[in-house]
Amino acid sequence: MHRPTLPIERKLEHFTSRAVAALLVGASCGVALFQIYFLRELLAAEVLLGLIFVPLLTIVAIMYTIGAISEWGVEKLAVKAHSSSRPAVRGRNPF
């Protein structure tokens, strides 16, 4: 026995596997294009953010280096000044 076709089945009869394959390929290409576009936008944002932070990082690194060198110099001067000075003790010889 052959059953009668439903109206929706008649509408879907013209969709062949070739049409479905073409639809899937088109959808896949669309998704790939969107992914490429968003990847480009993400990379551009990363580059711009890097261009902003590289000068800031350079300034901070220079300031840190100057501070470390000056702290080292002050410590050296303090040790030198302390070792060469005489104690300010009156009335008795501490040595």
PDB file of N, CA and C in Angstrom:
ATOM      1  N   MET A   1       0.809  -1.184   0.000  1.00  0.00           N
ATOM      2  CA  MET A   1       0.000   0.000   0.000  1.00  0.00           C
ATOM      3  C   MET A   1       0.855   1.250   0.000  1.00  0.00           C
ATOM      4  N   HIS A   2       0.391   2.162  -0.724  1.00  0.00           N
ATOM      5  CA  HIS A   2       1.085   3.428  -0.831  1.00  0.00           C
ATOM      6  C   HIS A   2       0.308   4.470  -0.047  1.00  0.00           C
ATOM      7  N   ARG A   3       0.991   5.153   0.859  1.00  0.00           N
ATOM      8  CA  ARG A   3       0.289   6.144   1.678  1.00  0.00           C
ATOM      9  C   ARG A   3       0.267   7.482   0.942  1.00  0.00           C
ATOM     10  N   PRO A   4      -0.699   8.306   1.197  1.00  0.00           N
ATOM     11  CA  PRO A   4      -0.770   9.602   0.518  1.00  0.00           C
ATOM     12  C   PRO A   4       0.309  10.545   1.045  1.00  0.00           C
ATOM     13  N   THR A   5       0.788  11.409   0.195  1.00  0.00           N
ATOM     14  CA  THR A   5       1.819  12.362   0.605  1.00  0.00           C
ATOM     15  C   THR A   5       1.182  13.551   1.301  1.00  0.00           C
ATOM     16  N   LEU A   6       1.886  14.031   2.283  1.00  0.00           N
ATOM     17  CA  LEU A   6       1.415  15.190   3.033  1.00  0.00           C
ATOM     18  C   LEU A   6       1.827  16.464   2.295  1.00  0.00           C
ATOM     19  N   PRO A   7       1.160  17.599   2.573  1.00  0.00           N
ATOM     20  CA  PRO A   7       1.524  18.840   1.876  1.00  0.00           C
ATOM     21  C   PRO A   7       2.978  19.267   2.135  1.00  0.00           C
ATOM     22  N   ILE A   8       3.441  19.044   3.345  1.00  0.00           N
ATOM     23  CA  ILE A   8       4.816  19.433   3.634  1.00  0.00           C
ATOM     24  C   ILE A   8       5.797  18.557   2.862  1.00  0.00           C
ATOM     25  N   GLU A   9       5.445  17.305   2.661  1.00  0.00           N
ATOM     26  CA  GLU A   9       6.319  16.424   1.895  1.00  0.00           C
ATOM     27  C   GLU A   9       6.400  16.879   0.446  1.00  0.00           C
ATOM     28  N   ARG A  10       5.295  17.373  -0.090  1.00  0.00           N
ATOM     29  CA  ARG A  10       5.313  17.855  -1.465  1.00  0.00           C
ATOM     30  C   ARG A  10       6.195  19.094  -1.599  1.00  0.00           C
ATOM     31  N   LYS A  11       6.213  19.955  -0.559  1.00  0.00           N
ATOM     32  CA  LYS A  11       7.046  21.142  -0.598  1.00  0.00           C
ATOM     33  C   LYS A  11       8.525  20.793  -0.484  1.00  0.00           C
ATOM     34  N   LEU A  12       8.813  19.727   0.236  1.00  0.00           N
ATOM     35  CA  LEU A  12      10.207  19.350   0.446  1.00  0.00           C
ATOM     36  C   LEU A  12      10.760  18.443  -0.641  1.00  0.00           C
ATOM     37  N   GLU A  13       9.934  18.015  -1.564  1.00  0.00           N
ATOM     38  CA  GLU A  13      10.392  17.091  -2.597  1.00  0.00           C
ATOM     39  C   GLU A  13      11.459  17.700  -3.491  1.00  0.00           C
ATOM     40  N   HIS A  14      11.382  18.993  -3.741  1.00  0.00           N
ATOM     41  CA  HIS A  14      12.339  19.597  -4.659  1.00  0.00           C
ATOM     42  C   HIS A  14      13.717  19.820  -4.017  1.00  0.00           C
ATOM     43  N   PHE A  15      13.813  19.675  -2.685  1.00  0.00           N
ATOM     44  CA  PHE A  15      15.121  19.753  -2.036  1.00  0.00           C
ATOM     45  C   PHE A  15      15.830  18.420  -2.200  1.00  0.00           C
ATOM     46  N   THR A  16      16.862  18.428  -2.984  1.00  0.00           N
ATOM     47  CA  THR A  16      17.631  17.203  -3.173  1.00  0.00           C
ATOM     48  C   THR A  16      18.847  17.255  -2.274  1.00  0.00           C
ATOM     49  N   SER A  17      19.584  16.210  -2.272  1.00  0.00           N
ATOM     50  CA  SER A  17      20.790  16.184  -1.458  1.00  0.00           C
ATOM     51  C   SER A  17      21.820  17.187  -1.980  1.00  0.00           C
ATOM     52  N   ARG A  18      21.781  17.471  -3.269  1.00  0.00           N
ATOM     53  CA  ARG A  18      22.698  18.464  -3.840  1.00  0.00           C
ATOM     54  C   ARG A  18      22.363  19.864  -3.313  1.00  0.00           C
ATOM     55  N   ALA A  19      21.094  20.170  -3.212  1.00  0.00           N
ATOM     56  CA  ALA A  19      20.687  21.478  -2.701  1.00  0.00           C
ATOM     57  C   ALA A  19      21.051  21.617  -1.222  1.00  0.00           C
ATOM     58  N   VAL A  20      20.866  20.544  -0.468  1.00  0.00           N
ATOM     59  CA  VAL A  20      21.220  20.580   0.955  1.00  0.00           C
ATOM     60  C   VAL A  20      22.731  20.730   1.106  1.00  0.00           C
ATOM     61  N   ALA A  21      23.481  20.040   0.276  1.00  0.00           N
ATOM     62  CA  ALA A  21      24.937  20.148   0.330  1.00  0.00           C
ATOM     63  C   ALA A  21      25.380  21.570  -0.012  1.00  0.00           C
ATOM     64  N   ALA A  22      24.766  22.167  -1.030  1.00  0.00           N
ATOM     65  CA  ALA A  22      25.110  23.534  -1.396  1.00  0.00           C
ATOM     66  C   ALA A  22      24.765  24.499  -0.274  1.00  0.00           C
ATOM     67  N   LEU A  23      23.648  24.276   0.386  1.00  0.00           N
ATOM     68  CA  LEU A  23      23.252  25.117   1.507  1.00  0.00           C
ATOM     69  C   LEU A  23      24.253  24.989   2.653  1.00  0.00           C
ATOM     70  N   LEU A  24      24.672  23.775   2.946  1.00  0.00           N
ATOM     71  CA  LEU A  24      25.638  23.569   4.025  1.00  0.00           C
ATOM     72  C   LEU A  24      26.998  24.178   3.687  1.00  0.00           C
ATOM     73  N   VAL A  25      27.418  24.056   2.446  1.00  0.00           N
ATOM     74  CA  VAL A  25      28.691  24.656   2.039  1.00  0.00           C
ATOM     75  C   VAL A  25      28.602  26.176   2.133  1.00  0.00           C
ATOM     76  N   GLY A  26      27.500  26.734   1.696  1.00  0.00           N
ATOM     77  CA  GLY A  26      27.314  28.187   1.787  1.00  0.00           C
ATOM     78  C   GLY A  26      27.312  28.671   3.227  1.00  0.00           C
ATOM     79  N   ALA A  27      26.622  27.944   4.097  1.00  0.00           N
ATOM     80  CA  ALA A  27      26.595  28.317   5.510  1.00  0.00           C
ATOM     81  C   ALA A  27      27.984  28.194   6.123  1.00  0.00           C
ATOM     82  N   SER A  28      28.702  27.149   5.759  1.00  0.00           N
ATOM     83  CA  SER A  28      30.066  26.971   6.279  1.00  0.00           C
ATOM     84  C   SER A  28      30.983  28.093   5.811  1.00  0.00           C
ATOM     85  N   CYS A  29      30.850  28.485   4.559  1.00  0.00           N
ATOM     86  CA  CYS A  29      31.663  29.601   4.044  1.00  0.00           C
ATOM     87  C   CYS A  29      31.322  30.901   4.771  1.00  0.00           C
ATOM     88  N   GLY A  30      30.037  31.109   5.024  1.00  0.00           N
ATOM     89  CA  GLY A  30      29.637  32.310   5.759  1.00  0.00           C
ATOM     90  C   GLY A  30      30.216  32.338   7.159  1.00  0.00           C
ATOM     91  N   VAL A  31      30.175  31.215   7.846  1.00  0.00           N
ATOM     92  CA  VAL A  31      30.744  31.136   9.190  1.00  0.00           C
ATOM     93  C   VAL A  31      32.249  31.361   9.137  1.00  0.00           C
ATOM     94  N   ALA A  32      32.919  30.776   8.147  1.00  0.00           N
ATOM     95  CA  ALA A  32      34.371  30.953   8.015  1.00  0.00           C
ATOM     96  C   ALA A  32      34.722  32.413   7.754  1.00  0.00           C
ATOM     97  N   LEU A  33      33.933  33.099   6.915  1.00  0.00           N
ATOM     98  CA  LEU A  33      34.200  34.511   6.645  1.00  0.00           C
ATOM     99  C   LEU A  33      34.019  35.359   7.897  1.00  0.00           C
ATOM    100  N   PHE A  34      32.980  35.067   8.669  1.00  0.00           N
ATOM    101  CA  PHE A  34      32.792  35.791   9.919  1.00  0.00           C
ATOM    102  C   PHE A  34      33.942  35.537  10.875  1.00  0.00           C
ATOM    103  N   GLN A  35      34.419  34.297  10.942  1.00  0.00           N
ATOM    104  CA  GLN A  35      35.540  33.980  11.832  1.00  0.00           C
ATOM    105  C   GLN A  35      36.803  34.721  11.402  1.00  0.00           C
ATOM    106  N   ILE A  36      37.068  34.786  10.122  1.00  0.00           N
ATOM    107  CA  ILE A  36      38.244  35.497   9.628  1.00  0.00           C
ATOM    108  C   ILE A  36      38.128  36.984   9.942  1.00  0.00           C
ATOM    109  N   TYR A  37      36.933  37.542   9.748  1.00  0.00           N
ATOM    110  CA  TYR A  37      36.721  38.965  10.043  1.00  0.00           C
ATOM    111  C   TYR A  37      36.962  39.249  11.523  1.00  0.00           C
ATOM    112  N   PHE A  38      36.382  38.420  12.403  1.00  0.00           N
ATOM    113  CA  PHE A  38      36.544  38.668  13.837  1.00  0.00           C
ATOM    114  C   PHE A  38      37.978  38.432  14.284  1.00  0.00           C
ATOM    115  N   LEU A  39      38.683  37.500  13.655  1.00  0.00           N
ATOM    116  CA  LEU A  39      40.086  37.280  13.977  1.00  0.00           C
ATOM    117  C   LEU A  39      40.907  38.507  13.594  1.00  0.00           C
ATOM    118  N   ARG A  40      40.636  39.080  12.431  1.00  0.00           N
ATOM    119  CA  ARG A  40      41.339  40.294  12.018  1.00  0.00           C
ATOM    120  C   ARG A  40      41.075  41.435  12.990  1.00  0.00           C
ATOM    121  N   GLU A  41      39.834  41.579  13.409  1.00  0.00           N
ATOM    122  CA  GLU A  41      39.503  42.639  14.357  1.00  0.00           C
ATOM    123  C   GLU A  41      40.204  42.418  15.696  1.00  0.00           C
ATOM    124  N   LEU A  42      40.252  41.186  16.149  1.00  0.00           N
ATOM    125  CA  LEU A  42      40.917  40.868  17.411  1.00  0.00           C
ATOM    126  C   LEU A  42      42.410  41.165  17.318  1.00  0.00           C
ATOM    127  N   LEU A  43      43.044  40.780  16.218  1.00  0.00           N
ATOM    128  CA  LEU A  43      44.472  41.046  16.050  1.00  0.00           C
ATOM    129  C   LEU A  43      44.746  42.549  15.976  1.00  0.00           C
ATOM    130  N   ALA A  44      43.885  43.289  15.302  1.00  0.00           N
ATOM    131  CA  ALA A  44      44.056  44.740  15.229  1.00  0.00           C
ATOM    132  C   ALA A  44      43.934  45.369  16.619  1.00  0.00           C
ATOM    133  N   ALA A  45      42.995  44.913  17.404  1.00  0.00           N
ATOM    134  CA  ALA A  45      42.836  45.439  18.766  1.00  0.00           C
ATOM    135  C   ALA A  45      44.065  45.113  19.615  1.00  0.00           C
ATOM    136  N   GLU A  46      44.604  43.916  19.473  1.00  0.00           N
ATOM    137  CA  GLU A  46      45.803  43.528  20.218  1.00  0.00           C
ATOM    138  C   GLU A  46      46.982  44.416  19.839  1.00  0.00           C
ATOM    139  N   VAL A  47      47.148  44.685  18.563  1.00  0.00           N
ATOM    140  CA  VAL A  47      48.269  45.516  18.106  1.00  0.00           C
ATOM    141  C   VAL A  47      48.117  46.942  18.638  1.00  0.00           C
ATOM    142  N   LEU A  48      46.919  47.490  18.555  1.00  0.00           N
ATOM    143  CA  LEU A  48      46.715  48.852  19.050  1.00  0.00           C
ATOM    144  C   LEU A  48      46.945  48.935  20.557  1.00  0.00           C
ATOM    145  N   LEU A  49      46.483  47.953  21.299  1.00  0.00           N
ATOM    146  CA  LEU A  49      46.710  47.940  22.738  1.00  0.00           C
ATOM    147  C   LEU A  49      48.194  47.807  23.039  1.00  0.00           C
ATOM    148  N   GLY A  50      48.890  46.987  22.267  1.00  0.00           N
ATOM    149  CA  GLY A  50      50.333  46.849  22.447  1.00  0.00           C
ATOM    150  C   GLY A  50      51.058  48.146  22.160  1.00  0.00           C
ATOM    151  N   LEU A  51      50.631  48.879  21.131  1.00  0.00           N
ATOM    152  CA  LEU A  51      51.262  50.151  20.811  1.00  0.00           C
ATOM    153  C   LEU A  51      51.042  51.192  21.901  1.00  0.00           C
ATOM    154  N   ILE A  52      49.970  51.045  22.645  1.00  0.00           N
ATOM    155  CA  ILE A  52      49.723  51.962  23.752  1.00  0.00           C
ATOM    156  C   ILE A  52      50.582  51.584  24.956  1.00  0.00           C
ATOM    157  N   PHE A  53      50.708  50.290  25.243  1.00  0.00           N
ATOM    158  CA  PHE A  53      51.374  49.872  26.462  1.00  0.00           C
ATOM    159  C   PHE A  53      52.887  49.747  26.340  1.00  0.00           C
ATOM    160  N   VAL A  54      53.439  49.629  25.153  1.00  0.00           N
ATOM    161  CA  VAL A  54      54.895  49.517  25.011  1.00  0.00           C
ATOM    162  C   VAL A  54      55.595  50.790  25.491  1.00  0.00           C
ATOM    163  N   PRO A  55      55.163  51.986  25.101  1.00  0.00           N
ATOM    164  CA  PRO A  55      55.830  53.176  25.655  1.00  0.00           C
ATOM    165  C   PRO A  55      55.677  53.291  27.173  1.00  0.00           C
ATOM    166  N   LEU A  56      54.508  52.931  27.670  1.00  0.00           N
ATOM    167  CA  LEU A  56      54.295  52.971  29.118  1.00  0.00           C
ATOM    168  C   LEU A  56      55.223  51.993  29.825  1.00  0.00           C
ATOM    169  N   LEU A  57      55.364  50.800  29.284  1.00  0.00           N
ATOM    170  CA  LEU A  57      56.270  49.810  29.861  1.00  0.00           C
ATOM    171  C   LEU A  57      57.714  50.299  29.824  1.00  0.00           C
ATOM    172  N   THR A  58      58.101  50.944  28.744  1.00  0.00           N
ATOM    173  CA  THR A  58      59.462  51.467  28.615  1.00  0.00           C
ATOM    174  C   THR A  58      59.731  52.546  29.662  1.00  0.00           C
ATOM    175  N   ILE A  59      58.794  53.451  29.851  1.00  0.00           N
ATOM    176  CA  ILE A  59      58.955  54.516  30.846  1.00  0.00           C
ATOM    177  C   ILE A  59      59.069  53.930  32.247  1.00  0.00           C
ATOM    178  N   VAL A  60      58.214  52.975  32.566  1.00  0.00           N
ATOM    179  CA  VAL A  60      58.252  52.356  33.892  1.00  0.00           C
ATOM    180  C   VAL A  60      59.560  51.602  34.090  1.00  0.00           C
ATOM    181  N   ALA A  61      60.039  50.904  33.079  1.00  0.00           N
ATOM    182  CA  ALA A  61      61.297  50.167  33.199  1.00  0.00           C
ATOM    183  C   ALA A  61      62.472  51.120  33.418  1.00  0.00           C
ATOM    184  N   ILE A  62      62.485  52.240  32.713  1.00  0.00           N
ATOM    185  CA  ILE A  62      63.555  53.222  32.899  1.00  0.00           C
ATOM    186  C   ILE A  62      63.507  53.812  34.309  1.00  0.00           C
ATOM    187  N   MET A  63      62.315  54.157  34.778  1.00  0.00           N
ATOM    188  CA  MET A  63      62.182  54.707  36.131  1.00  0.00           C
ATOM    189  C   MET A  63      62.602  53.694  37.191  1.00  0.00           C
ATOM    190  N   TYR A  64      62.258  52.438  37.012  1.00  0.00           N
ATOM    191  CA  TYR A  64      62.646  51.401  37.953  1.00  0.00           C
ATOM    192  C   TYR A  64      64.164  51.234  37.979  1.00  0.00           C
ATOM    193  N   THR A  65      64.781  51.244  36.804  1.00  0.00           N
ATOM    194  CA  THR A  65      66.234  51.089  36.729  1.00  0.00           C
ATOM    195  C   THR A  65      66.937  52.263  37.400  1.00  0.00           C
ATOM    196  N   ILE A  66      66.467  53.469  37.146  1.00  0.00           N
ATOM    197  CA  ILE A  66      67.065  54.645  37.795  1.00  0.00           C
ATOM    198  C   ILE A  66      66.903  54.555  39.309  1.00  0.00           C
ATOM    199  N   GLY A  67      65.738  54.146  39.766  1.00  0.00           N
ATOM    200  CA  GLY A  67      65.504  53.999  41.206  1.00  0.00           C
ATOM    201  C   GLY A  67      66.389  52.936  41.831  1.00  0.00           C
ATOM    202  N   ALA A  68      66.552  51.798  41.143  1.00  0.00           N
ATOM    203  CA  ALA A  68      67.400  50.733  41.679  1.00  0.00           C
ATOM    204  C   ALA A  68      68.858  51.159  41.738  1.00  0.00           C
ATOM    205  N   ILE A  69      69.321  51.847  40.694  1.00  0.00           N
ATOM    206  CA  ILE A  69      70.716  52.315  40.683  1.00  0.00           C
ATOM    207  C   ILE A  69      70.936  53.360  41.779  1.00  0.00           C
ATOM    208  N   SER A  70      69.992  54.277  41.948  1.00  0.00           N
ATOM    209  CA  SER A  70      70.169  55.307  42.981  1.00  0.00           C
ATOM    210  C   SER A  70      70.110  54.697  44.380  1.00  0.00           C
ATOM    211  N   GLU A  71      69.250  53.700  44.584  1.00  0.00           N
ATOM    212  CA  GLU A  71      69.191  53.041  45.887  1.00  0.00           C
ATOM    213  C   GLU A  71      70.503  52.316  46.186  1.00  0.00           C
ATOM    214  N   TRP A  72      71.056  51.671  45.190  1.00  0.00           N
ATOM    215  CA  TRP A  72      72.338  50.992  45.356  1.00  0.00           C
ATOM    216  C   TRP A  72      73.432  52.001  45.699  1.00  0.00           C
ATOM    217  N   GLY A  73      73.436  53.136  45.006  1.00  0.00           N
ATOM    218  CA  GLY A  73      74.435  54.168  45.277  1.00  0.00           C
ATOM    219  C   GLY A  73      74.301  54.751  46.669  1.00  0.00           C
ATOM    220  N   VAL A  74      73.075  54.993  47.111  1.00  0.00           N
ATOM    221  CA  VAL A  74      72.855  55.537  48.456  1.00  0.00           C
ATOM    222  C   VAL A  74      73.319  54.539  49.514  1.00  0.00           C
ATOM    223  N   GLU A  75      73.051  53.261  49.305  1.00  0.00           N
ATOM    224  CA  GLU A  75      73.515  52.245  50.265  1.00  0.00           C
ATOM    225  C   GLU A  75      75.038  52.206  50.318  1.00  0.00           C
ATOM    226  N   LYS A  76      75.684  52.285  49.162  1.00  0.00           N
ATOM    227  CA  LYS A  76      77.149  52.285  49.129  1.00  0.00           C
ATOM    228  C   LYS A  76      77.702  53.507  49.867  1.00  0.00           C
ATOM    229  N   LEU A  77      77.094  54.673  49.639  1.00  0.00           N
ATOM    230  CA  LEU A  77      77.550  55.882  50.326  1.00  0.00           C
ATOM    231  C   LEU A  77      77.320  55.785  51.823  1.00  0.00           C
ATOM    232  N   ALA A  78      76.215  55.196  52.240  1.00  0.00           N
ATOM    233  CA  ALA A  78      75.929  55.071  53.666  1.00  0.00           C
ATOM    234  C   ALA A  78      76.934  54.150  54.336  1.00  0.00           C
ATOM    235  N   VAL A  79      77.270  53.044  53.695  1.00  0.00           N
ATOM    236  CA  VAL A  79      78.250  52.124  54.261  1.00  0.00           C
ATOM    237  C   VAL A  79      79.615  52.797  54.334  1.00  0.00           C
ATOM    238  N   LYS A  80      79.980  53.515  53.306  1.00  0.00           N
ATOM    239  CA  LYS A  80      81.277  54.192  53.274  1.00  0.00           C
ATOM    240  C   LYS A  80      81.332  55.292  54.332  1.00  0.00           C
ATOM    241  N   ALA A  81      80.259  56.060  54.465  1.00  0.00           N
ATOM    242  CA  ALA A  81      80.231  57.136  55.449  1.00  0.00           C
ATOM    243  C   ALA A  81      80.240  56.571  56.867  1.00  0.00           C
ATOM    244  N   HIS A  82      79.552  55.469  57.074  1.00  0.00           N
ATOM    245  CA  HIS A  82      79.478  54.883  58.407  1.00  0.00           C
ATOM    246  C   HIS A  82      80.818  54.279  58.821  1.00  0.00           C
ATOM    247  N   SER A  83      81.503  53.655  57.911  1.00  0.00           N
ATOM    248  CA  SER A  83      82.753  52.994  58.258  1.00  0.00           C
ATOM    249  C   SER A  83      83.896  53.987  58.457  1.00  0.00           C
ATOM    250  N   SER A  84      83.843  55.148  57.828  1.00  0.00           N
ATOM    251  CA  SER A  84      84.949  56.093  57.937  1.00  0.00           C
ATOM    252  C   SER A  84      84.727  57.138  59.023  1.00  0.00           C
ATOM    253  N   SER A  85      83.568  57.182  59.612  1.00  0.00           N
ATOM    254  CA  SER A  85      83.293  58.204  60.625  1.00  0.00           C
ATOM    255  C   SER A  85      83.721  57.712  62.005  1.00  0.00           C
ATOM    256  N   ARG A  86      84.027  58.655  62.853  1.00  0.00           N
ATOM    257  CA  ARG A  86      84.369  58.317  64.233  1.00  0.00           C
ATOM    258  C   ARG A  86      83.097  58.405  65.057  1.00  0.00           C
ATOM    259  N   PRO A  87      82.945  57.546  65.993  1.00  0.00           N
ATOM    260  CA  PRO A  87      81.751  57.625  66.832  1.00  0.00           C
ATOM    261  C   PRO A  87      81.771  58.894  67.683  1.00  0.00           C
ATOM    262  N   ALA A  88      80.618  59.461  67.863  1.00  0.00           N
ATOM    263  CA  ALA A  88      80.489  60.702  68.638  1.00  0.00           C
ATOM    264  C   ALA A  88      80.232  60.350  70.092  1.00  0.00           C
ATOM    265  N   VAL A  89      81.217  59.741  70.711  1.00  0.00           N
ATOM    266  CA  VAL A  89      81.098  59.370  72.138  1.00  0.00           C
ATOM    267  C   VAL A  89      82.115  60.189  72.900  1.00  0.00           C
ATOM    268  N   ARG A  90      81.682  60.842  73.909  1.00  0.00           N
ATOM    269  CA  ARG A  90      82.575  61.701  74.693  1.00  0.00           C
ATOM    270  C   ARG A  90      82.867  61.029  76.039  1.00  0.00           C
ATOM    271  N   GLY A  91      84.034  61.163  76.407  1.00  0.00           N
ATOM    272  CA  GLY A  91      84.388  60.726  77.755  1.00  0.00           C
ATOM    273  C   GLY A  91      84.974  59.340  77.817  1.00  0.00           C
ATOM    274  N   ARG A  92      84.786  58.524  76.848  1.00  0.00           N
ATOM    275  CA  ARG A  92      85.367  57.189  76.900  1.00  0.00           C
ATOM    276  C   ARG A  92      85.708  56.732  75.483  1.00  0.00           C
ATOM    277  N   ASN A  93      86.607  55.837  75.369  1.00  0.00           N
ATOM    278  CA  ASN A  93      87.040  55.301  74.087  1.00  0.00           C
ATOM    279  C   ASN A  93      86.287  53.980  73.857  1.00  0.00           C
ATOM    280  N   PRO A  94      85.447  53.897  72.848  1.00  0.00           N
ATOM    281  CA  PRO A  94      84.661  52.676  72.631  1.00  0.00           C
ATOM    282  C   PRO A  94      85.502  51.514  72.098  1.00  0.00           C
ATOM    283  N   PHE A  95      86.733  51.801  71.691  1.00  0.00           N
ATOM    284  CA  PHE A  95      87.530  50.710  71.096  1.00  0.00           C
ATOM    285  C   PHE A  95      88.438  50.152  72.117  1.00  0.00           C
TER     286      PHE A  95
END
